[in-house]
C-alpha atoms as a PDB file:
ATOM      1  CA  UNK A   1     -16.471 -15.026  21.903  1.00  0.00           C
ATOM      2  CA  UNK A   2     -18.385 -11.771  22.812  1.00  0.00           C
ATOM      3  CA  UNK A   3     -21.901 -11.432  21.363  1.00  0.00           C
ATOM      4  CA  UNK A   4     -21.199 -14.289  18.939  1.00  0.00           C
ATOM      5  CA  UNK A   5     -18.035 -12.526  17.550  1.00  0.00           C
ATOM      6  CA  UNK A   6     -14.953 -14.647  17.156  1.00  0.00           C
ATOM      7  CA  UNK A   7     -11.871 -12.965  18.797  1.00  0.00           C
ATOM      8  CA  UNK A   8      -8.326 -13.420  17.635  1.00  0.00           C
ATOM      9  CA  UNK A   9      -5.184 -12.013  19.265  1.00  0.00           C
ATOM     10  CA  UNK A  10      -2.281 -11.506  16.832  1.00  0.00           C
ATOM     11  CA  UNK A  11       1.254 -10.902  18.027  1.00  0.00           C
ATOM     12  CA  UNK A  12       3.920  -9.589  15.577  1.00  0.00           C
ATOM     13  CA  UNK A  13       7.083 -10.976  17.096  1.00  0.00           C
ATOM     14  CA  UNK A  14      10.808 -10.327  16.765  1.00  0.00           C
ATOM     15  CA  UNK A  15      13.156 -11.653  19.388  1.00  0.00           C
ATOM     16  CA  UNK A  16      10.424 -12.090  22.017  1.00  0.00           C
ATOM     17  CA  UNK A  17      11.776 -15.220  23.610  1.00  0.00           C
ATOM     18  CA  UNK A  18      11.941 -13.846  27.158  1.00  0.00           C
ATOM     19  CA  UNK A  19       8.576 -12.042  27.264  1.00  0.00           C
ATOM     20  CA  UNK A  20       6.245 -14.101  25.066  1.00  0.00           C
ATOM     21  CA  UNK A  21       5.314 -16.629  27.756  1.00  0.00           C
ATOM     22  CA  UNK A  22       4.458 -14.000  30.264  1.00  0.00           C
ATOM     23  CA  UNK A  23       2.280 -12.143  27.713  1.00  0.00           C
ATOM     24  CA  UNK A  24       0.560 -15.341  26.702  1.00  0.00           C
ATOM     25  CA  UNK A  25      -0.244 -16.350  30.264  1.00  0.00           C
ATOM     26  CA  UNK A  26      -2.225 -13.162  30.844  1.00  0.00           C
ATOM     27  CA  UNK A  27      -4.411 -13.547  27.784  1.00  0.00           C
ATOM     28  CA  UNK A  28      -7.974 -14.388  28.856  1.00  0.00           C
ATOM     29  CA  UNK A  29      -8.319 -17.796  27.126  1.00  0.00           C
ATOM     30  CA  UNK A  30     -11.949 -18.164  28.245  1.00  0.00           C
ATOM     31  CA  UNK A  31     -12.721 -15.186  25.891  1.00  0.00           C
ATOM     32  CA  UNK A  32     -10.104 -15.409  23.070  1.00  0.00           C
ATOM     33  CA  UNK A  33     -10.826 -17.927  20.385  1.00  0.00           C
ATOM     34  CA  UNK A  34      -7.575 -17.816  18.487  1.00  0.00           C
ATOM     35  CA  UNK A  35      -3.992 -16.678  19.272  1.00  0.00           C
ATOM     36  CA  UNK A  36      -1.664 -16.126  16.326  1.00  0.00           C
ATOM     37  CA  UNK A  37       2.020 -15.368  16.464  1.00  0.00           C
ATOM     38  CA  UNK A  38       3.942 -14.233  13.383  1.00  0.00           C
ATOM     39  CA  UNK A  39       7.740 -14.418  13.818  1.00  0.00           C
ATOM     40  CA  UNK A  40       9.787 -12.094  11.638  1.00  0.00           C
ATOM     41  CA  UNK A  41      12.947 -14.209  11.354  1.00  0.00           C
ATOM     42  CA  UNK A  42      13.798 -13.840  15.049  1.00  0.00           C
ATOM     43  CA  UNK A  43      17.548 -14.625  16.023  1.00  0.00           C
ATOM     44  CA  UNK A  44      16.451 -16.071  19.349  1.00  0.00           C
ATOM     45  CA  UNK A  45      14.098 -18.924  20.447  1.00  0.00           C
ATOM     46  CA  UNK A  46      10.789 -17.112  19.979  1.00  0.00           C
ATOM     47  CA  UNK A  47       9.476 -19.851  17.641  1.00  0.00           C
ATOM     48  CA  UNK A  48      10.495 -22.596  20.123  1.00  0.00           C
ATOM     49  CA  UNK A  49       8.561 -20.851  22.928  1.00  0.00           C
ATOM     50  CA  UNK A  50       5.534 -20.468  20.617  1.00  0.00           C
ATOM     51  CA  UNK A  51       5.673 -24.202  19.928  1.00  0.00           C
ATOM     52  CA  UNK A  52       5.915 -25.021  23.555  1.00  0.00           C
ATOM     53  CA  UNK A  53       2.817 -22.877  24.235  1.00  0.00           C
ATOM     54  CA  UNK A  54       0.903 -24.551  21.426  1.00  0.00           C
ATOM     55  CA  UNK A  55       0.477 -21.328  19.564  1.00  0.00           C
ATOM     56  CA  UNK A  56      -0.601 -21.153  15.946  1.00  0.00           C
ATOM     57  CA  UNK A  57       2.444 -19.513  14.372  1.00  0.00           C
ATOM     58  CA  UNK A  58       3.725 -18.369  11.044  1.00  0.00           C
ATOM     59  CA  UNK A  59       7.451 -17.814  10.409  1.00  0.00           C
ATOM     60  CA  UNK A  60       9.001 -15.335   8.028  1.00  0.00           C
ATOM     61  CA  UNK A  61      12.154 -16.948   6.674  1.00  0.00           C
ATOM     62  CA  UNK A  62      13.557 -13.473   6.062  1.00  0.00           C
ATOM     63  CA  UNK A  63      13.037 -10.296   8.117  1.00  0.00           C
ATOM     64  CA  UNK A  64      10.348  -8.289   6.294  1.00  0.00           C
ATOM     65  CA  UNK A  65       9.842  -5.549   8.799  1.00  0.00           C
ATOM     66  CA  UNK A  66       7.256  -4.602  11.396  1.00  0.00           C
ATOM     67  CA  UNK A  67       4.635  -3.576   8.798  1.00  0.00           C
ATOM     68  CA  UNK A  68       5.123  -6.731   6.793  1.00  0.00           C
ATOM     69  CA  UNK A  69       4.713  -8.765   9.928  1.00  0.00           C
ATOM     70  CA  UNK A  70       1.381  -7.136  10.714  1.00  0.00           C
ATOM     71  CA  UNK A  71       0.165  -7.675   7.191  1.00  0.00           C
ATOM     72  CA  UNK A  72       0.717 -11.425   7.608  1.00  0.00           C
ATOM     73  CA  UNK A  73      -0.981 -11.247  11.105  1.00  0.00           C
ATOM     74  CA  UNK A  74      -4.141  -9.788   9.665  1.00  0.00           C
ATOM     75  CA  UNK A  75      -4.242 -11.981   6.588  1.00  0.00           C
ATOM     76  CA  UNK A  76      -3.877 -15.061   8.877  1.00  0.00           C
ATOM     77  CA  UNK A  77      -6.514 -13.905  11.328  1.00  0.00           C
ATOM     78  CA  UNK A  78      -9.031 -13.171   8.552  1.00  0.00           C
ATOM     79  CA  UNK A  79      -8.317 -16.490   6.899  1.00  0.00           C
ATOM     80  CA  UNK A  80      -9.081 -18.194  10.252  1.00  0.00           C
ATOM     81  CA  UNK A  81     -12.443 -16.504  10.558  1.00  0.00           C
ATOM     82  CA  UNK A  82     -11.760 -13.723  13.101  1.00  0.00           C
ATOM     83  CA  UNK A  83     -14.533 -11.155  13.592  1.00  0.00           C
ATOM     84  CA  UNK A  84     -12.444  -8.949  15.999  1.00  0.00           C
ATOM     85  CA  UNK A  85      -8.644  -8.930  15.853  1.00  0.00           C
ATOM     86  CA  UNK A  86      -6.506  -7.580  18.694  1.00  0.00           C
ATOM     87  CA  UNK A  87      -2.966  -6.781  17.834  1.00  0.00           C
ATOM     88  CA  UNK A  88      -0.544  -6.558  20.732  1.00  0.00           C
ATOM     89  CA  UNK A  89       3.293  -6.835  21.014  1.00  0.00           C
ATOM     90  CA  UNK A  90       4.465  -9.976  22.774  1.00  0.00           C
ATOM     91  CA  UNK A  91       7.021  -8.001  24.824  1.00  0.00           C
ATOM     92  CA  UNK A  92       4.719  -7.527  27.843  1.00  0.00           C
ATOM     93  CA  UNK A  93       4.812  -3.772  27.497  1.00  0.00           C
ATOM     94  CA  UNK A  94       0.999  -3.744  27.563  1.00  0.00           C
ATOM     95  CA  UNK A  95      -1.232  -5.859  29.745  1.00  0.00           C
ATOM     96  CA  UNK A  96      -3.418  -8.459  28.014  1.00  0.00           C
ATOM     97  CA  UNK A  97      -5.948  -7.970  30.759  1.00  0.00           C
ATOM     98  CA  UNK A  98      -7.548  -5.137  28.673  1.00  0.00           C
ATOM     99  CA  UNK A  99      -8.523  -7.530  25.873  1.00  0.00           C
ATOM    100  CA  UNK A 100     -12.092  -8.086  27.115  1.00  0.00           C
ATOM    101  CA  UNK A 101     -12.756  -4.365  27.368  1.00  0.00           C
ATOM    102  CA  UNK A 102     -11.288  -3.676  23.957  1.00  0.00           C
ATOM    103  CA  UNK A 103     -13.090  -6.507  22.246  1.00  0.00           C
ATOM    104  CA  UNK A 104     -16.363  -5.556  23.980  1.00  0.00           C
ATOM    105  CA  UNK A 105     -16.192  -1.980  22.680  1.00  0.00           C
ATOM    106  CA  UNK A 106     -16.125  -3.389  19.082  1.00  0.00           C
ATOM    107  CA  UNK A 107     -18.529  -6.329  19.559  1.00  0.00           C
ATOM    108  CA  UNK A 108     -21.138  -3.919  20.990  1.00  0.00           C
ATOM    109  CA  UNK A 109     -21.003  -1.984  17.712  1.00  0.00           C
ATOM    110  CA  UNK A 110     -19.970   1.283  19.389  1.00  0.00           C
ATOM    111  CA  UNK A 111     -16.470   1.459  17.754  1.00  0.00           C
ATOM    112  CA  UNK A 112     -14.643  -0.067  14.780  1.00  0.00           C
ATOM    113  CA  UNK A 113     -11.153   0.507  16.061  1.00  0.00           C
ATOM    114  CA  UNK A 114     -10.042   0.674  19.743  1.00  0.00           C
ATOM    115  CA  UNK A 115      -6.656   1.912  20.866  1.00  0.00           C
ATOM    116  CA  UNK A 116      -5.072   1.185  24.262  1.00  0.00           C
ATOM    117  CA  UNK A 117      -3.609   4.575  25.053  1.00  0.00           C
ATOM    118  CA  UNK A 118      -0.533   4.943  27.308  1.00  0.00           C
ATOM    119  CA  UNK A 119      -1.277   8.741  27.470  1.00  0.00           C
ATOM    120  CA  UNK A 120      -4.737   8.658  28.900  1.00  0.00           C
ATOM    121  CA  UNK A 121      -4.167   8.748  32.644  1.00  0.00           C
ATOM    122  CA  UNK A 122      -0.742   9.508  34.099  1.00  0.00           C
ATOM    123  CA  UNK A 123       1.261   6.311  33.871  1.00  0.00           C
ATOM    124  CA  UNK A 124       3.368   6.655  30.714  1.00  0.00           C
ATOM    125  CA  UNK A 125       6.569   8.160  32.215  1.00  0.00           C
ATOM    126  CA  UNK A 126       6.028   6.355  35.536  1.00  0.00           C
ATOM    127  CA  UNK A 127       5.877   3.077  33.538  1.00  0.00           C
ATOM    128  CA  UNK A 128       9.346   3.750  32.095  1.00  0.00           C
ATOM    129  CA  UNK A 129       8.594   5.456  28.841  1.00  0.00           C
ATOM    130  CA  UNK A 130      11.742   7.533  27.996  1.00  0.00           C
ATOM    131  CA  UNK A 131      10.990  11.243  28.343  1.00  0.00           C
ATOM    132  CA  UNK A 132      12.130  12.031  24.781  1.00  0.00           C
ATOM    133  CA  UNK A 133       9.657   9.516  23.543  1.00  0.00           C
ATOM    134  CA  UNK A 134       6.907  10.936  25.708  1.00  0.00           C
ATOM    135  CA  UNK A 135       7.406  14.474  24.520  1.00  0.00           C
ATOM    136  CA  UNK A 136       7.791  13.468  20.902  1.00  0.00           C
ATOM    137  CA  UNK A 137       4.599  11.408  21.265  1.00  0.00           C
ATOM    138  CA  UNK A 138       2.757  14.464  22.518  1.00  0.00           C
ATOM    139  CA  UNK A 139       4.112  16.673  19.794  1.00  0.00           C
ATOM    140  CA  UNK A 140       3.335  14.219  16.921  1.00  0.00           C
ATOM    141  CA  UNK A 141      -0.164  13.491  18.288  1.00  0.00           C
ATOM    142  CA  UNK A 142      -0.918  17.267  18.529  1.00  0.00           C
ATOM    143  CA  UNK A 143       0.317  17.640  14.917  1.00  0.00           C
ATOM    144  CA  UNK A 144      -1.830  14.782  13.679  1.00  0.00           C
ATOM    145  CA  UNK A 145      -4.961  15.874  15.528  1.00  0.00           C
ATOM    146  CA  UNK A 146      -4.657  19.310  13.959  1.00  0.00           C
ATOM    147  CA  UNK A 147      -4.041  18.208  10.334  1.00  0.00           C
ATOM    148  CA  UNK A 148      -6.366  15.193  10.512  1.00  0.00           C
ATOM    149  CA  UNK A 149      -9.144  16.787  12.566  1.00  0.00           C
ATOM    150  CA  UNK A 150      -9.167  14.110  15.216  1.00  0.00           C
ATOM    151  CA  UNK A 151      -9.026  14.134  18.942  1.00  0.00           C
ATOM    152  CA  UNK A 152      -7.013  11.080  19.934  1.00  0.00           C
ATOM    153  CA  UNK A 153      -4.683  10.999  22.899  1.00  0.00           C
ATOM    154  CA  UNK A 154      -1.989   9.129  20.906  1.00  0.00           C
ATOM    155  CA  UNK A 155      -1.426   7.425  17.540  1.00  0.00           C
ATOM    156  CA  UNK A 156       1.639   5.368  18.522  1.00  0.00           C
ATOM    157  CA  UNK A 157       0.421   2.533  20.736  1.00  0.00           C
ATOM    158  CA  UNK A 158       1.236  -1.047  19.809  1.00  0.00           C
ATOM    159  CA  UNK A 159      -1.996  -2.363  21.252  1.00  0.00           C
ATOM    160  CA  UNK A 160      -5.050  -2.079  19.018  1.00  0.00           C
ATOM    161  CA  UNK A 161      -8.351  -3.803  18.224  1.00  0.00           C
ATOM    162  CA  UNK A 162     -10.038  -3.861  14.831  1.00  0.00           C
ATOM    163  CA  UNK A 163     -13.272  -5.203  13.475  1.00  0.00           C
ATOM    164  CA  UNK A 164     -13.186  -7.572  10.582  1.00  0.00           C
ATOM    165  CA  UNK A 165     -14.835  -4.916   8.397  1.00  0.00           C
ATOM    166  CA  UNK A 166     -11.943  -2.503   9.004  1.00  0.00           C
ATOM    167  CA  UNK A 167      -9.346  -5.048   8.091  1.00  0.00           C
ATOM    168  CA  UNK A 168     -11.120  -5.944   4.895  1.00  0.00           C
ATOM    169  CA  UNK A 169     -11.823  -2.371   3.730  1.00  0.00           C
ATOM    170  CA  UNK A 170      -8.545  -0.536   4.499  1.00  0.00           C
ATOM    171  CA  UNK A 171      -5.934  -0.493   1.695  1.00  0.00           C
ATOM    172  CA  UNK A 172      -3.332  -2.074   3.898  1.00  0.00           C
ATOM    173  CA  UNK A 173      -1.239  -3.410   1.014  1.00  0.00           C
ATOM    174  CA  UNK A 174      -0.329   0.175   0.197  1.00  0.00           C
ATOM    175  CA  UNK A 175       1.298   0.672   3.602  1.00  0.00           C
ATOM    176  CA  UNK A 176       4.923   0.497   4.443  1.00  0.00           C
ATOM    177  CA  UNK A 177       6.641  -2.688   5.675  1.00  0.00           C
ATOM    178  CA  UNK A 178       8.415  -0.662   8.357  1.00  0.00           C
ATOM    179  CA  UNK A 179       7.263   0.886  11.685  1.00  0.00           C
ATOM    180  CA  UNK A 180       5.277   3.735   9.985  1.00  0.00           C
ATOM    181  CA  UNK A 181       2.686   1.042   9.113  1.00  0.00           C
ATOM    182  CA  UNK A 182       0.852   1.606  12.411  1.00  0.00           C
ATOM    183  CA  UNK A 183       0.455   5.283  11.776  1.00  0.00           C
ATOM    184  CA  UNK A 184      -0.674   4.794   8.168  1.00  0.00           C
ATOM    185  CA  UNK A 185      -3.210   2.307   9.284  1.00  0.00           C
ATOM    186  CA  UNK A 186      -4.754   4.733  11.767  1.00  0.00           C
ATOM    187  CA  UNK A 187      -4.814   7.554   9.243  1.00  0.00           C
ATOM    188  CA  UNK A 188      -6.609   5.241   6.788  1.00  0.00           C
ATOM    189  CA  UNK A 189      -9.139   4.271   9.481  1.00  0.00           C
ATOM    190  CA  UNK A 190      -9.854   7.981  10.109  1.00  0.00           C
ATOM    191  CA  UNK A 191      -9.953   8.897   6.427  1.00  0.00           C
ATOM    192  CA  UNK A 192     -12.603   6.181   5.658  1.00  0.00           C
ATOM    193  CA  UNK A 193     -14.679   7.348   8.672  1.00  0.00           C
ATOM    194  CA  UNK A 194     -14.346   4.405  10.957  1.00  0.00           C
ATOM    195  CA  UNK A 195     -15.136   5.046  14.532  1.00  0.00           C
ATOM    196  CA  UNK A 196     -11.981   5.096  16.740  1.00  0.00           C
ATOM    197  CA  UNK A 197     -12.229   4.707  20.484  1.00  0.00           C
ATOM    198  CA  UNK A 198      -9.544   4.638  23.206  1.00  0.00           C
ATOM    199  CA  UNK A 199      -9.080   3.028  26.582  1.00  0.00           C
ATOM    200  CA  UNK A 200      -6.492   3.915  29.197  1.00  0.00           C
ATOM    201  CA  UNK A 201      -3.594   1.418  29.385  1.00  0.00           C
ATOM    202  CA  UNK A 202      -0.755   1.173  31.859  1.00  0.00           C
ATOM    203  CA  UNK A 203       2.626   0.499  30.308  1.00  0.00           C
ATOM    204  CA  UNK A 204       5.700  -1.310  31.474  1.00  0.00           C
ATOM    205  CA  UNK A 205       9.079  -0.667  29.817  1.00  0.00           C
ATOM    206  CA  UNK A 206      11.880  -3.121  30.633  1.00  0.00           C
ATOM    207  CA  UNK A 207      15.203  -4.233  29.054  1.00  0.00           C
ATOM    208  CA  UNK A 208      13.217  -6.932  27.185  1.00  0.00           C
ATOM    209  CA  UNK A 209      10.600  -4.496  25.788  1.00  0.00           C
ATOM    210  CA  UNK A 210      10.846  -3.913  22.102  1.00  0.00           C
ATOM    211  CA  UNK A 211      11.817  -0.372  21.087  1.00  0.00           C
ATOM    212  CA  UNK A 212      13.300   1.408  18.161  1.00  0.00           C
ATOM    213  CA  UNK A 213      16.559   3.395  18.463  1.00  0.00           C
ATOM    214  CA  UNK A 214      16.896   7.121  18.344  1.00  0.00           C
ATOM    215  CA  UNK A 215      17.782   7.280  14.621  1.00  0.00           C
ATOM    216  CA  UNK A 216      14.763   5.175  13.599  1.00  0.00           C
ATOM    217  CA  UNK A 217      12.609   7.147  16.010  1.00  0.00           C
ATOM    218  CA  UNK A 218      13.534  10.330  14.125  1.00  0.00           C
ATOM    219  CA  UNK A 219      12.747   8.555  10.853  1.00  0.00           C
ATOM    220  CA  UNK A 220       9.398   7.438  12.178  1.00  0.00           C
ATOM    221  CA  UNK A 221       8.604  10.907  13.387  1.00  0.00           C
ATOM    222  CA  UNK A 222       9.293  12.376   9.961  1.00  0.00           C
ATOM    223  CA  UNK A 223       7.118   9.648   8.487  1.00  0.00           C
ATOM    224  CA  UNK A 224       4.241  10.546  10.843  1.00  0.00           C
ATOM    225  CA  UNK A 225       4.449  14.255   9.638  1.00  0.00           C
ATOM    226  CA  UNK A 226       4.324  13.052   6.072  1.00  0.00           C
ATOM    227  CA  UNK A 227       1.296  10.820   6.705  1.00  0.00           C
ATOM    228  CA  UNK A 228      -0.550  13.692   8.274  1.00  0.00           C
ATOM    229  CA  UNK A 229       0.194  16.073   5.415  1.00  0.00           C
ATOM    230  CA  UNK A 230      -0.878  13.492   2.841  1.00  0.00           C
ATOM    231  CA  UNK A 231      -4.110  12.931   4.754  1.00  0.00           C
ATOM    232  CA  UNK A 232      -4.920  16.679   4.751  1.00  0.00           C
ATOM    233  CA  UNK A 233      -3.961  17.166   1.133  1.00  0.00           C
ATOM    234  CA  UNK A 234      -6.272  14.391   0.010  1.00  0.00           C
ATOM    235  CA  UNK A 235      -9.129  15.541   2.193  1.00  0.00           C
ATOM    236  CA  UNK A 236      -8.822  19.091   0.683  1.00  0.00           C
ATOM    237  CA  UNK A 237      -8.536  17.632  -2.806  1.00  0.00           C
ATOM    238  CA  UNK A 238      -5.028  18.975  -3.388  1.00  0.00           C
ATOM    239  CA  UNK A 239      -3.168  15.741  -4.003  1.00  0.00           C
ATOM    240  CA  UNK A 240      -3.992  12.091  -4.031  1.00  0.00           C
ATOM    241  CA  UNK A 241      -2.049   9.407  -2.166  1.00  0.00           C
ATOM    242  CA  UNK A 242      -2.014   5.653  -2.632  1.00  0.00           C
ATOM    243  CA  UNK A 243      -2.503   5.320   1.138  1.00  0.00           C
ATOM    244  CA  UNK A 244      -6.086   6.399   0.707  1.00  0.00           C
ATOM    245  CA  UNK A 245      -6.791   4.660  -2.621  1.00  0.00           C
ATOM    246  CA  UNK A 246      -9.924   2.457  -2.315  1.00  0.00           C
ATOM    247  CA  UNK A 247      -8.747   0.005  -5.100  1.00  0.00           C
ATOM    248  CA  UNK A 248      -9.582  -3.666  -4.393  1.00  0.00           C
ATOM    249  CA  UNK A 249      -6.076  -4.788  -5.182  1.00  0.00           C
ATOM    250  CA  UNK A 250      -4.758  -2.741  -2.192  1.00  0.00           C
ATOM    251  CA  UNK A 251      -6.997  -4.554   0.326  1.00  0.00           C
ATOM    252  CA  UNK A 252      -6.303  -7.642   2.347  1.00  0.00           C
ATOM    253  CA  UNK A 253      -8.791 -10.384   1.666  1.00  0.00           C
ATOM    254  CA  UNK A 254      -8.723 -14.002   2.785  1.00  0.00           C
ATOM    255  CA  UNK A 255      -5.150 -15.335   2.717  1.00  0.00           C
ATOM    256  CA  UNK A 256      -5.752 -18.042   0.205  1.00  0.00           C
ATOM    257  CA  UNK A 257      -7.285 -15.532  -2.276  1.00  0.00           C
ATOM    258  CA  UNK A 258      -4.621 -12.861  -2.347  1.00  0.00           C
ATOM    259  CA  UNK A 259      -1.314 -14.287  -1.180  1.00  0.00           C
ATOM    260  CA  UNK A 260       0.565 -17.572  -1.539  1.00  0.00           C
ATOM    261  CA  UNK A 261       2.608 -17.146   1.658  1.00  0.00           C
ATOM    262  CA  UNK A 262       4.932 -20.014   1.188  1.00  0.00           C
ATOM    263  CA  UNK A 263       5.677 -19.660  -2.492  1.00  0.00           C
ATOM    264  CA  UNK A 264       5.966 -15.887  -2.831  1.00  0.00           C
ATOM    265  CA  UNK A 265       7.202 -14.629   0.477  1.00  0.00           C
ATOM    266  CA  UNK A 266       9.279 -17.322   2.065  1.00  0.00           C
ATOM    267  CA  UNK A 267       6.858 -17.944   4.835  1.00  0.00           C
ATOM    268  CA  UNK A 268       6.185 -21.251   6.515  1.00  0.00           C
END
């Protein structure tokens, strides 16, 4: 705990057999109260490794997508009493050693959301980020900052921390089950005026690191442009989007209140 806040790390996993153990070993166990892995129907031995490590884990019997995985992650963390939830990929692309700093920024009450940015500093390309991804990251971030009136260094990191309040109040159920979920979630946090902070994070790309192919990267990029325009249109009162609908049925509450995982979604 930090300042009496229970800290949970959630890891949305898909074929993370060869990197999960290394990621887990660097998580500061003296600080983190709960570690949760959600496996999205991996075709390798990710679940076996999770069992060997003694991780609390949830398994999707069918692949639901990256966004669907995160929805399960957050429902599970909230149901288990987390006050601060840190989402990180179990592919060792990001170092777990930043967990204390990220959790502290939220526990102190300074920020509601903290992003581990690969762009702050100078290590993204040196860490192996493909150049086309780096330049598309910079373009999309500039586009979003302009249309959303923000000043973030990037919107595309897979290493984030959220307060319990954020996870309870954002309409996450309205978000995509695919990769654009991450971007929609940040747009929602900005729309509802949550305080977003950043911390510089080194990155390490390897053959085992998770990554989407060029075609899906293009699809993701177009999705980012769409999210930004929907944000601006709703702020200006031109058009409403379900992404920024504050209806209670679009929010994630405690797992037992809003979702029967096993019965309705093939999760065990």
